[in-house]
Amino acid sequence: MERAVVRCVPSEPKLSLSFALADGSHKNMQRDQSEPLGRALSRIATNALKGHAKAAAAKKSRKNRPNASGGVSCAGPGPEPAAACEPVVKLYYREEAVAEDVLNVDAWQDGAVLQIGDVKYKVERNPPAFTELQLPRYIMAGFPVCPKLGVEFGDPAGSLFRWYKEAKPGAAEPEGGGPSSLSLSSPSPGWTETGVDERVYTPSNADIGLRLKLHCTPGNGQRFGPSRELESVCPVEAGPGTCTFDHRHLYTKKVTDDALIRTVSYNILADTYAQTEFSRTVLYPYCAPYALELDYRQNLIQKELTGYNADLICLQEVDRNVFTDSLVPALEAFGLEGVFRIKQHEGLATFYRKSKFSLLSQHDIAFHEALQSDPLHKELLEKLALYPSAQERVLQRSSVLQVE
């Protein structure tokens, strides 16, 4: 039986309905939750009729297309087919038709059956679904690839993942140069399985020059939603070889026992500071330009931090986008959760191992604000007032303290 996916959230005025018609077209509809079911079914019937008309027109066009000998291929004698009528559209729940005056919010129940003509669809209300799915742009051999995920009505831990790589460069396109048609259930012949069915995949040197593909199905441990596929924009590139942190990782191969806590503190250099002329010519003249690029550095940062198997990670000079697009998906995949506080151009991030810690509260303290508002610092503020230039410098500082 086909599936019809319904997303219905109490806090939103509309529900969405998604299904595929018999002609192959995919329909995504937005309907008011307070609308009577009959209006939604009527709209579905109209869409189905339009889809049938388009399919019939395409078929007729193919029949009238000039053939190889220069003639015209015709349908042959006989009357034209009669114009299609709107298909009968009904919604059933527990084998009984749902009345058309029932509101959409109550009509579209999980397990109901939508019938459009001769085709039946099983209604899945609020199944797990990806709200965000993204692969990093820059992928290097030997460095973990952590997709950025957003899951609604589910969680990454309950989802399914399967990684593929190109059989050879450019093999994702079929012979003849036509567009690649990727099935959600069976990959294109141009892709081969890597054997990895986890969220994180670490490419090897054998993957250099090949693109990657991730097939993933959102889940919550009990049910699964529609699958999606992602292909990497660029092929896997060669890594920098052995890094200094590879030697340090020899001492942190495993997560510590419950009685111990391993902590890492790291200034990861905000991109806003790395991409200045002063940084390139004075602070880091020994660095090649590509080594200061954010896409390149993120791979190294992710691998180094995950390799420490830390319970607490305290990071400084964190760009907001780096936190959300790089650090969160990478560290979340290894059991860590993070909080972030912006200062001006960058901020602080603290990650903690979820199996050992629970976040009870978060306090972000800006020093200049605390100095002026907290009575505990009144004496210090009075002494600073005796030195106006020093007071001005201190109050202009954007330093922040994170307390969890």
Protein backbone atom coordinates (compact mmCIF):
# COMPACT_ATOMS: atom_id res chain seq x y z
CA MET A 1 0.00 0.00 0.00
CA GLU A 2 1.23 3.51 -0.83
CA ARG A 3 1.85 5.97 2.01
CA ALA A 4 0.29 9.38 2.64
CA VAL A 5 2.24 11.41 5.18
CA VAL A 6 0.37 13.93 7.32
CA ARG A 7 2.10 16.50 9.51
CA CYS A 8 -0.27 18.01 12.05
CA VAL A 9 1.09 20.08 14.95
CA PRO A 10 -1.36 21.67 17.44
CA SER A 11 0.55 24.97 17.53
CA GLU A 12 0.23 25.48 13.75
CA PRO A 13 -2.98 26.45 11.91
CA LYS A 14 -2.38 24.20 8.89
CA LEU A 15 -1.55 20.55 8.35
CA SER A 16 0.46 19.22 5.43
CA LEU A 17 -0.38 16.19 3.33
CA SER A 18 2.13 14.47 1.05
CA PHE A 19 1.55 11.57 -1.33
CA ALA A 20 2.40 10.35 -4.85
CA LEU A 21 -0.25 10.08 -7.54
CA ALA A 22 -0.54 7.13 -9.93
CA ASP A 23 1.04 9.20 -12.73
CA GLY A 24 4.25 9.51 -10.68
CA SER A 25 3.80 13.14 -9.64
CA HIS A 26 4.28 14.01 -5.99
CA LYS A 27 1.76 16.22 -4.22
CA ASN A 28 2.37 18.39 -1.16
CA MET A 29 -0.75 20.09 0.14
CA GLN A 30 -1.33 22.60 2.94
CA ARG A 31 -4.85 22.63 4.40
CA ASP A 32 -6.39 24.42 7.38
CA GLN A 33 -6.77 22.13 10.36
CA SER A 34 -10.22 23.64 10.96
CA GLU A 35 -11.36 22.94 7.38
CA PRO A 36 -14.01 20.21 6.79
CA LEU A 37 -12.56 17.02 5.35
CA GLY A 38 -14.83 17.21 2.29
CA ARG A 39 -13.02 20.28 0.93
CA ALA A 40 -9.62 18.61 1.26
CA LEU A 41 -10.88 15.47 -0.50
CA SER A 42 -12.35 17.56 -3.31
CA ARG A 43 -8.99 19.30 -3.80
CA ILE A 44 -7.22 15.94 -3.90
CA ALA A 45 -9.66 14.76 -6.58
CA THR A 46 -8.96 17.87 -8.66
CA ASN A 47 -5.20 17.33 -8.38
CA ALA A 48 -5.58 13.69 -9.38
CA LEU A 49 -7.62 14.69 -12.45
CA LYS A 50 -4.99 17.24 -13.48
CA GLY A 51 -2.30 14.62 -13.10
CA HIS A 52 -4.27 12.20 -15.26
CA ALA A 53 -4.74 14.86 -17.94
CA LYS A 54 -1.01 15.66 -18.01
CA ALA A 55 -0.12 11.98 -18.30
CA ALA A 56 -2.63 11.53 -21.15
CA ALA A 57 -1.27 14.59 -22.97
CA ALA A 58 2.29 13.33 -22.65
CA LYS A 59 1.28 9.93 -23.98
CA LYS A 60 -0.49 11.50 -26.95
CA SER A 61 2.54 13.69 -27.65
CA ARG A 62 4.79 10.63 -27.75
CA LYS A 63 2.48 8.91 -30.22
CA ASN A 64 2.50 11.93 -32.54
CA ARG A 65 6.27 12.38 -32.36
CA PRO A 66 8.07 12.07 -35.76
CA ASN A 67 9.61 8.64 -36.19
CA ALA A 68 13.04 7.77 -37.57
CA SER A 69 11.82 7.69 -41.23
CA GLY A 70 10.49 11.23 -41.00
CA GLY A 71 6.84 10.23 -40.76
CA VAL A 72 4.51 10.71 -37.86
CA SER A 73 3.60 7.92 -35.50
CA CYS A 74 -0.16 8.01 -34.93
CA ALA A 75 -2.44 6.29 -32.52
CA GLY A 76 -4.30 4.63 -35.37
CA PRO A 77 -7.98 4.71 -36.28
CA GLY A 78 -10.63 4.72 -33.68
CA PRO A 79 -12.36 7.25 -31.45
CA GLU A 80 -10.39 9.44 -29.05
CA PRO A 81 -10.57 8.23 -25.45
CA ALA A 82 -13.28 9.82 -23.41
CA ALA A 83 -12.32 12.68 -21.14
CA ALA A 84 -11.33 11.47 -17.68
CA CYS A 85 -13.65 12.07 -14.77
CA GLU A 86 -12.60 13.08 -11.28
CA PRO A 87 -11.70 9.95 -9.35
CA VAL A 88 -13.65 9.01 -6.27
CA VAL A 89 -11.68 10.14 -3.20
CA LYS A 90 -12.56 8.80 0.23
CA LEU A 91 -10.93 8.60 3.65
CA TYR A 92 -11.53 5.51 5.80
CA TYR A 93 -10.72 4.90 9.43
CA ARG A 94 -11.18 1.44 10.90
CA GLU A 95 -12.85 0.41 7.64
CA GLU A 96 -15.54 3.08 7.93
CA ALA A 97 -15.75 6.17 5.73
CA VAL A 98 -14.94 9.37 7.60
CA ALA A 99 -17.77 11.92 7.32
CA GLU A 100 -16.93 14.91 5.13
CA ASP A 101 -17.97 17.40 7.81
CA VAL A 102 -15.29 16.15 10.22
CA LEU A 103 -12.50 18.69 10.58
CA ASN A 104 -9.12 17.90 9.07
CA VAL A 105 -7.42 17.92 12.48
CA ASP A 106 -9.63 15.03 13.60
CA ALA A 107 -10.08 13.25 10.27
CA TRP A 108 -6.49 12.45 9.34
CA GLN A 109 -5.67 9.84 11.95
CA ASP A 110 -2.64 7.56 11.97
CA GLY A 111 -3.60 4.28 10.32
CA ALA A 112 -6.45 5.73 8.25
CA VAL A 113 -6.69 4.79 4.57
CA LEU A 114 -6.97 7.35 1.78
CA GLN A 115 -8.44 6.03 -1.45
CA ILE A 116 -7.93 7.91 -4.75
CA GLY A 117 -9.67 6.00 -7.51
CA ASP A 118 -8.27 2.47 -7.38
CA VAL A 119 -5.19 3.41 -5.37
CA LYS A 120 -5.07 3.15 -1.58
CA TYR A 121 -2.71 5.01 0.74
CA LYS A 122 -1.95 4.27 4.36
CA VAL A 123 -2.06 7.51 6.36
CA GLU A 124 0.96 8.10 8.59
CA ARG A 125 0.37 10.99 10.95
CA ASN A 126 3.47 12.73 12.28
CA PRO A 127 6.00 10.03 11.42
CA PRO A 128 9.66 10.78 12.12
CA ALA A 129 10.97 13.21 9.50
CA PHE A 130 14.13 15.13 8.74
CA THR A 131 13.78 18.89 9.06
CA GLU A 132 17.42 19.38 8.17
CA LEU A 133 19.93 17.15 6.44
CA GLN A 134 23.30 18.32 5.18
CA LEU A 135 26.74 16.91 4.44
CA PRO A 136 29.88 19.01 4.93
CA ARG A 137 31.21 20.64 1.80
CA TYR A 138 34.82 19.66 2.39
CA ILE A 139 35.58 15.96 3.01
CA MET A 140 39.04 14.50 3.65
CA ALA A 141 40.33 10.95 3.89
CA GLY A 142 40.94 9.89 7.47
CA PHE A 143 38.57 12.49 8.93
CA PRO A 144 35.06 11.65 10.20
CA VAL A 145 32.12 12.85 8.11
CA CYS A 146 29.28 13.91 10.42
CA PRO A 147 26.05 14.94 8.67
CA LYS A 148 24.08 17.79 10.16
CA LEU A 149 20.66 16.44 11.16
CA GLY A 150 17.39 17.86 12.35
CA VAL A 151 14.73 15.25 13.19
CA GLU A 152 11.09 15.92 13.99
CA PHE A 153 9.04 13.30 15.88
CA GLY A 154 12.18 11.20 16.18
CA ASP A 155 15.86 11.30 17.08
CA PRO A 156 19.19 10.51 15.36
CA ALA A 157 19.80 7.57 17.70
CA GLY A 158 16.65 5.85 16.44
CA SER A 159 17.34 6.58 12.76
CA LEU A 160 18.97 4.34 10.15
CA PHE A 161 22.02 5.25 8.07
CA ARG A 162 23.82 3.63 5.16
CA TRP A 163 26.83 5.02 3.32
CA TYR A 164 27.74 4.57 -0.35
CA LYS A 165 30.62 5.71 -2.51
CA GLU A 166 31.02 6.08 -6.24
CA ALA A 167 32.17 2.96 -8.02
CA LYS A 168 34.50 5.27 -9.93
CA PRO A 169 34.58 9.04 -10.63
CA GLY A 170 31.45 10.10 -12.51
CA ALA A 171 29.84 6.68 -12.21
CA ALA A 172 26.70 8.13 -10.62
CA GLU A 173 25.43 9.10 -14.08
CA PRO A 174 24.01 6.32 -16.25
CA GLU A 175 25.32 5.64 -19.73
CA GLY A 176 23.95 7.98 -22.35
CA GLY A 177 24.47 11.14 -20.30
CA GLY A 178 20.89 11.28 -19.02
CA PRO A 179 20.05 12.49 -15.54
CA SER A 180 20.62 10.08 -12.70
CA SER A 181 17.41 8.72 -11.17
CA LEU A 182 18.12 7.60 -7.61
CA SER A 183 15.65 5.28 -5.95
CA LEU A 184 15.20 5.52 -2.21
CA SER A 185 15.13 1.74 -1.94
CA SER A 186 17.86 0.70 -4.39
CA PRO A 187 20.90 2.86 -5.18
CA SER A 188 22.03 3.63 -8.71
CA PRO A 189 24.46 1.06 -10.20
CA GLY A 190 27.10 3.82 -10.03
CA TRP A 191 27.23 3.52 -6.21
CA THR A 192 28.66 0.75 -4.05
CA GLU A 193 28.05 0.11 -0.36
CA THR A 194 30.81 1.01 2.07
CA GLY A 195 29.58 -1.43 4.70
CA VAL A 196 29.07 1.40 7.21
CA ASP A 197 25.57 1.76 8.65
CA GLU A 198 26.27 4.35 11.32
CA ARG A 199 25.77 8.10 11.36
CA VAL A 200 29.50 8.85 11.09
CA TYR A 201 31.66 7.66 8.21
CA THR A 202 35.44 8.05 8.01
CA PRO A 203 36.66 7.88 4.39
CA SER A 204 39.86 5.99 3.66
CA ASN A 205 42.58 6.77 1.13
CA ALA A 206 40.80 4.39 -1.24
CA ASP A 207 37.88 6.85 -1.31
CA ILE A 208 39.98 9.77 -2.56
CA GLY A 209 38.47 11.19 -5.75
CA LEU A 210 35.08 9.58 -5.12
CA ARG A 211 31.88 11.25 -3.96
CA LEU A 212 29.88 9.88 -1.04
CA LYS A 213 26.17 9.27 -0.65
CA LEU A 214 24.18 8.86 2.55
CA HIS A 215 20.85 7.02 2.61
CA CYS A 216 19.04 7.73 5.86
CA THR A 217 15.68 6.91 7.37
CA PRO A 218 14.39 8.96 10.34
CA GLY A 219 13.10 6.94 13.27
CA ASN A 220 12.24 7.05 16.96
CA GLY A 221 12.88 3.46 17.97
CA GLN A 222 9.35 2.32 17.14
CA ARG A 223 8.46 3.68 13.72
CA PHE A 224 10.25 5.14 10.72
CA GLY A 225 9.48 7.99 8.35
CA PRO A 226 10.24 8.62 4.67
CA SER A 227 13.87 8.02 3.68
CA ARG A 228 16.10 10.61 2.10
CA GLU A 229 19.40 10.57 0.25
CA LEU A 230 22.27 13.03 0.20
CA GLU A 231 25.22 13.17 -2.17
CA SER A 232 28.41 15.01 -1.32
CA VAL A 233 29.06 18.08 -3.45
CA CYS A 234 32.77 17.38 -3.83
CA PRO A 235 34.78 14.15 -3.90
CA VAL A 236 36.89 12.99 -0.99
CA GLU A 237 40.25 14.76 -0.89
CA ALA A 238 43.57 13.66 0.53
CA GLY A 239 44.17 14.51 4.17
CA PRO A 240 47.26 16.23 5.58
CA GLY A 241 48.79 12.97 6.80
CA THR A 242 49.77 12.39 10.41
CA CYS A 243 48.75 15.28 12.68
CA THR A 244 50.24 16.21 16.05
CA PHE A 245 47.01 15.28 17.83
CA ASP A 246 47.19 11.72 16.45
CA HIS A 247 49.93 11.03 19.01
CA ARG A 248 47.86 12.52 21.84
CA HIS A 249 44.91 10.35 20.84
CA LEU A 250 46.97 7.29 21.75
CA TYR A 251 46.29 8.16 25.39
CA THR A 252 42.55 8.86 24.97
CA LYS A 253 41.28 5.91 22.97
CA LYS A 254 38.38 5.20 25.33
CA VAL A 255 35.87 7.20 27.35
CA THR A 256 36.84 7.35 31.02
CA ASP A 257 35.11 5.28 33.70
CA ASP A 258 32.16 6.81 35.53
CA ALA A 259 34.38 7.76 38.48
CA LEU A 260 36.65 9.89 36.28
CA ILE A 261 36.13 13.02 34.18
CA ARG A 262 38.28 14.01 31.22
CA THR A 263 38.18 17.73 30.33
CA VAL A 264 39.44 19.52 27.23
CA SER A 265 39.82 23.29 26.84
CA TYR A 266 40.60 24.70 23.41
CA ASN A 267 40.72 28.03 21.61
CA ILE A 268 39.76 27.03 18.07
CA LEU A 269 40.43 30.44 16.45
CA ALA A 270 37.30 32.16 15.16
CA ASP A 271 37.12 32.49 11.40
CA THR A 272 36.50 36.22 11.75
CA TYR A 273 40.02 36.53 13.19
CA ALA A 274 41.72 34.00 10.90
CA GLN A 275 40.73 35.76 7.68
CA THR A 276 42.36 39.13 8.31
CA GLU A 277 45.49 40.54 6.70
CA PHE A 278 47.07 40.85 10.15
CA SER A 279 46.47 37.15 10.82
CA ARG A 280 47.87 36.04 7.48
CA THR A 281 50.99 38.24 7.54
CA VAL A 282 51.83 38.67 11.24
CA LEU A 283 50.16 36.05 13.44
CA TYR A 284 50.24 33.02 11.14
CA PRO A 285 52.65 33.76 8.27
CA TYR A 286 53.82 30.12 8.42
CA CYS A 287 50.34 28.83 7.47
CA ALA A 288 49.42 28.17 3.86
CA PRO A 289 46.26 30.10 2.85
CA TYR A 290 44.23 26.89 2.51
CA ALA A 291 45.16 25.89 6.08
CA LEU A 292 43.40 28.99 7.44
CA GLU A 293 40.23 28.33 5.46
CA LEU A 294 37.31 27.39 7.71
CA ASP A 295 36.20 24.34 5.70
CA TYR A 296 39.66 22.84 6.02
CA ARG A 297 40.15 23.68 9.70
CA GLN A 298 36.74 22.31 10.69
CA ASN A 299 37.77 18.82 9.61
CA LEU A 300 40.87 18.95 11.79
CA ILE A 301 38.99 20.41 14.76
CA GLN A 302 36.28 17.75 14.58
CA LYS A 303 38.76 14.89 14.40
CA GLU A 304 40.93 16.23 17.19
CA LEU A 305 38.06 16.90 19.60
CA THR A 306 36.27 13.60 18.99
CA GLY A 307 39.53 11.69 19.40
CA TYR A 308 39.98 12.89 22.97
CA ASN A 309 36.80 11.09 24.13
CA ALA A 310 36.33 13.91 26.62
CA ASP A 311 33.46 14.26 29.09
CA LEU A 312 33.64 18.08 29.14
CA ILE A 313 34.87 20.26 26.27
CA CYS A 314 35.25 24.00 26.81
CA LEU A 315 35.83 25.97 23.62
CA GLN A 316 36.71 29.61 23.03
CA GLU A 317 36.49 31.76 19.88
CA VAL A 318 33.60 29.75 18.43
CA ASP A 319 31.72 31.18 15.44
CA ARG A 320 27.96 30.73 15.68
CA ASN A 321 27.85 28.90 12.33
CA VAL A 322 30.73 26.66 13.35
CA PHE A 323 28.84 25.70 16.50
CA THR A 324 25.57 24.85 14.73
CA ASP A 325 26.84 23.47 11.41
CA SER A 326 30.03 21.69 12.44
CA LEU A 327 30.59 21.13 16.15
CA VAL A 328 27.05 20.17 17.17
CA PRO A 329 26.57 17.40 14.57
CA ALA A 330 30.13 16.10 14.99
CA LEU A 331 30.14 15.93 18.79
CA GLU A 332 26.49 14.91 19.08
CA ALA A 333 27.32 11.81 17.04
CA PHE A 334 29.85 10.90 19.77
CA GLY A 335 27.44 11.37 22.68
CA LEU A 336 28.03 15.03 23.59
CA GLU A 337 25.59 17.92 23.82
CA GLY A 338 26.55 21.58 23.73
CA VAL A 339 25.48 25.06 24.79
CA PHE A 340 26.63 28.31 23.22
CA ARG A 341 26.95 31.95 24.25
CA ILE A 342 27.79 34.65 21.71
CA LYS A 343 29.96 37.60 22.73
CA GLN A 344 30.34 40.00 19.83
CA HIS A 345 31.77 38.32 16.73
CA GLU A 346 32.26 34.90 18.35
CA GLY A 347 31.54 33.16 21.60
CA LEU A 348 31.99 30.26 24.00
CA ALA A 349 30.76 26.69 23.72
CA THR A 350 30.62 23.98 26.37
CA PHE A 351 29.93 20.34 25.50
CA TYR A 352 29.17 17.62 28.04
CA ARG A 353 28.78 13.85 27.76
CA LYS A 354 25.09 13.01 28.05
CA SER A 355 25.73 9.62 29.65
CA LYS A 356 27.48 11.32 32.59
CA PHE A 357 25.86 14.76 32.91
CA SER A 358 22.44 16.39 32.71
CA LEU A 359 22.07 20.12 32.16
CA LEU A 360 20.17 21.56 35.14
CA SER A 361 20.74 25.25 34.42
CA GLN A 362 22.90 27.57 32.38
CA HIS A 363 24.35 30.91 33.48
CA ASP A 364 26.18 33.12 31.00
CA ILE A 365 27.96 35.97 32.76
CA ALA A 366 29.28 38.97 30.85
CA PHE A 367 32.05 40.46 32.99
CA HIS A 368 31.37 44.11 32.19
CA GLU A 369 27.65 43.67 32.96
CA ALA A 370 28.31 41.81 36.22
CA LEU A 371 30.84 44.42 37.30
CA GLN A 372 28.29 47.22 36.99
CA SER A 373 25.16 45.46 38.24
CA ASP A 374 26.25 42.93 40.88
CA PRO A 375 26.60 44.50 44.40
CA LEU A 376 29.40 42.01 45.11
CA HIS A 377 31.65 43.97 42.75
CA LYS A 378 30.81 47.42 44.09
CA GLU A 379 34.17 47.90 45.85
CA LEU A 380 36.14 46.83 42.78
CA LEU A 381 34.12 49.19 40.57
CA GLU A 382 34.80 52.09 42.97
CA LYS A 383 38.55 51.45 42.84
CA LEU A 384 38.46 51.27 39.05
CA ALA A 385 36.74 54.66 38.97
CA LEU A 386 39.96 56.20 40.30
CA TYR A 387 41.65 55.24 37.03
CA PRO A 388 39.31 56.33 34.19
CA SER A 389 41.41 54.89 31.35
CA ALA A 390 41.66 51.51 33.05
CA GLN A 391 37.94 51.58 33.87
CA GLU A 392 37.09 52.30 30.24
CA ARG A 393 39.24 49.42 29.00
CA VAL A 394 37.73 46.98 31.50
CA LEU A 395 34.12 47.97 30.77
CA GLN A 396 34.71 47.61 27.04
CA ARG A 397 35.85 44.02 27.40
CA SER A 398 33.42 41.44 26.00
CA SER A 399 34.71 38.54 28.13
CA VAL A 400 32.02 36.02 29.08
CA LEU A 401 31.89 33.19 31.60
CA GLN A 402 29.78 30.08 31.05
CA VAL A 403 28.54 28.20 34.11
CA GLU A 404 26.49 25.03 33.69
